[in-house]
Amino acid sequence: MFYYDAFKKIERFFEGRPCYIIYRGKIQYQNMKKLRYSIDDLCHHLRVSDIDSVSKVDFAILETNGSLSVIPKQESQTLLPDALISDGCINQEALQILNKDEAWLKNELKKKHISYIEDVLYCVLEKNGLYVIKK
């Protein structure tokens, strides 16, 4: 586990992190400004994704390779498209964005009869609760 966490930190340092440009239908202007990503860039990427208006987007994530991942409102099932748990490791940043903590996550997992986070391959918060895939 320690080696995996250390590897992830090194990977993030060199590759960066994906960044929300639109989060729950709202443009994240401060993120755009920090990345020097203009509204024209956003509109271009949305058109490439066959989306004609920002109002139709629930999430838009600028990936580390420069591409924009877009989740339209009509297709969105999640409250946050980032995994809360990936291969047994908690995504603290995702919990922070959701204003949740590890205690909340562990309590929700217990409701699904899961005692150990290490037993979870993938976990995401959907509109109707946690979606979990066990290892």
Protein backbone atom coordinates (compact mmCIF):
# COMPACT_ATOMS: atom_id res chain seq x y z
CA MET A 1 0.00 0.00 0.00
CA PHE A 2 2.80 2.44 0.89
CA TYR A 3 4.54 1.90 -2.46
CA TYR A 4 1.28 2.41 -4.35
CA ASP A 5 0.62 5.72 -2.53
CA ALA A 6 4.19 6.92 -3.14
CA PHE A 7 3.94 6.00 -6.82
CA LYS A 8 0.65 7.90 -7.16
CA LYS A 9 2.19 11.04 -5.62
CA ILE A 10 5.14 10.89 -8.00
CA GLU A 11 2.83 10.28 -10.94
CA ARG A 12 0.67 13.30 -10.00
CA PHE A 13 3.77 15.48 -9.70
CA PHE A 14 4.92 14.69 -13.23
CA GLU A 15 1.59 14.29 -14.98
CA GLY A 16 -0.59 16.73 -13.05
CA ARG A 17 -4.20 16.15 -12.12
CA PRO A 18 -7.37 16.43 -14.14
CA CYS A 19 -9.20 19.65 -13.32
CA TYR A 20 -12.90 20.55 -13.27
CA ILE A 21 -13.84 23.23 -15.79
CA ILE A 22 -17.56 22.67 -15.20
CA TYR A 23 -18.70 21.18 -11.90
CA ARG A 24 -22.39 20.36 -11.40
CA GLY A 25 -23.35 22.66 -14.23
CA LYS A 26 -21.32 25.64 -13.03
CA ILE A 27 -18.23 26.98 -14.77
CA GLN A 28 -15.20 26.90 -12.50
CA TYR A 29 -13.70 30.21 -13.60
CA GLN A 30 -10.85 30.17 -11.07
CA ASN A 31 -9.69 26.79 -12.39
CA MET A 32 -9.90 28.09 -15.96
CA LYS A 33 -7.93 31.19 -15.06
CA LYS A 34 -5.24 29.15 -13.28
CA LEU A 35 -4.88 26.87 -16.33
CA ARG A 36 -5.13 29.73 -18.86
CA TYR A 37 -8.11 27.96 -20.39
CA SER A 38 -10.47 30.41 -22.07
CA ILE A 39 -14.21 30.33 -22.58
CA ASP A 40 -13.44 30.02 -26.31
CA ASP A 41 -11.38 26.89 -25.58
CA LEU A 42 -14.28 25.48 -23.59
CA CYS A 43 -16.85 26.21 -26.29
CA HIS A 44 -14.59 24.67 -28.94
CA HIS A 45 -14.15 21.47 -26.94
CA LEU A 46 -17.89 21.27 -26.26
CA ARG A 47 -18.69 21.63 -29.97
CA VAL A 48 -16.21 18.85 -30.75
CA SER A 49 -18.21 16.73 -28.27
CA ASP A 50 -21.46 17.64 -30.12
CA ILE A 51 -22.68 19.84 -27.27
CA ASP A 52 -24.00 23.22 -28.35
CA SER A 53 -24.38 24.90 -24.94
CA VAL A 54 -22.63 25.01 -21.59
CA SER A 55 -26.10 24.73 -20.03
CA LYS A 56 -26.28 21.09 -21.15
CA VAL A 57 -23.12 20.06 -19.25
CA ASP A 58 -23.05 18.60 -15.75
CA PHE A 59 -19.28 17.99 -15.63
CA ALA A 60 -16.39 18.97 -17.89
CA ILE A 61 -12.95 17.81 -16.84
CA LEU A 62 -9.74 19.00 -18.46
CA GLU A 63 -7.58 15.89 -18.58
CA THR A 64 -3.80 15.87 -18.17
CA ASN A 65 -3.35 15.26 -21.91
CA GLY A 66 -5.32 18.43 -22.78
CA SER A 67 -8.53 16.73 -23.83
CA LEU A 68 -11.86 17.66 -22.29
CA SER A 69 -14.08 14.90 -20.86
CA VAL A 70 -17.71 15.99 -20.92
CA ILE A 71 -20.66 14.47 -19.06
CA PRO A 72 -23.98 15.94 -20.22
CA LYS A 73 -26.67 16.64 -17.62
CA GLN A 74 -29.11 14.15 -19.16
CA GLU A 75 -26.57 11.32 -18.91
CA SER A 76 -25.04 12.14 -15.53
CA GLN A 77 -25.60 9.51 -12.86
CA THR A 78 -22.95 10.63 -10.38
CA LEU A 79 -22.61 13.45 -7.90
CA LEU A 80 -18.90 13.45 -8.74
CA PRO A 81 -17.33 11.46 -11.58
CA ASP A 82 -14.12 10.84 -9.61
CA ALA A 83 -13.83 7.52 -7.80
CA LEU A 84 -14.00 7.78 -4.02
CA ILE A 85 -12.07 4.52 -3.78
CA SER A 86 -9.82 3.12 -6.46
CA ASP A 87 -8.12 -0.25 -5.93
CA GLY A 88 -8.45 -0.04 -2.16
CA CYS A 89 -7.17 3.56 -1.85
CA ILE A 90 -9.36 6.45 -0.75
CA ASN A 91 -9.39 9.56 -2.92
CA GLN A 92 -9.16 12.27 -0.25
CA GLU A 93 -9.54 15.06 -2.82
CA ALA A 94 -12.86 13.65 -4.03
CA LEU A 95 -14.15 13.38 -0.45
CA GLN A 96 -13.10 16.96 0.19
CA ILE A 97 -14.92 18.21 -2.93
CA LEU A 98 -18.08 16.46 -1.69
CA ASN A 99 -17.61 17.83 1.86
CA LYS A 100 -17.47 14.26 3.17
CA ASP A 101 -14.90 12.48 5.31
CA GLU A 102 -13.55 8.96 5.77
CA ALA A 103 -15.94 8.29 8.65
CA TRP A 104 -18.91 9.00 6.35
CA LEU A 105 -17.44 6.77 3.63
CA LYS A 106 -16.78 3.88 6.02
CA ASN A 107 -20.31 4.20 7.43
CA GLU A 108 -21.82 4.08 3.92
CA LEU A 109 -19.69 1.02 3.08
CA LYS A 110 -20.88 -0.73 6.25
CA LYS A 111 -24.45 -0.28 5.03
CA LYS A 112 -23.37 -2.36 2.03
CA HIS A 113 -21.76 -4.97 4.32
CA ILE A 114 -18.20 -3.94 3.42
CA SER A 115 -15.83 -3.71 6.39
CA TYR A 116 -12.48 -3.02 4.72
CA ILE A 117 -11.68 -0.34 2.19
CA GLU A 118 -8.93 -2.58 0.84
CA ASP A 119 -11.70 -4.92 -0.39
CA VAL A 120 -13.07 -2.25 -2.75
CA LEU A 121 -11.90 -2.10 -6.35
CA TYR A 122 -14.03 0.92 -7.33
CA CYS A 123 -16.48 3.17 -5.53
CA VAL A 124 -18.25 6.27 -6.82
CA LEU A 125 -21.08 8.38 -5.36
CA GLU A 126 -24.11 8.24 -7.62
CA LYS A 127 -27.32 10.21 -7.22
CA ASN A 128 -28.97 7.26 -5.47
CA GLY A 129 -26.00 6.31 -3.25
CA LEU A 130 -22.66 4.55 -3.47
CA TYR A 131 -21.91 2.31 -6.40
CA VAL A 132 -19.30 -0.23 -5.29
CA ILE A 133 -17.38 -2.97 -7.05
CA LYS A 134 -15.58 -5.37 -4.72
CA LYS A 135 -12.26 -6.99 -5.58
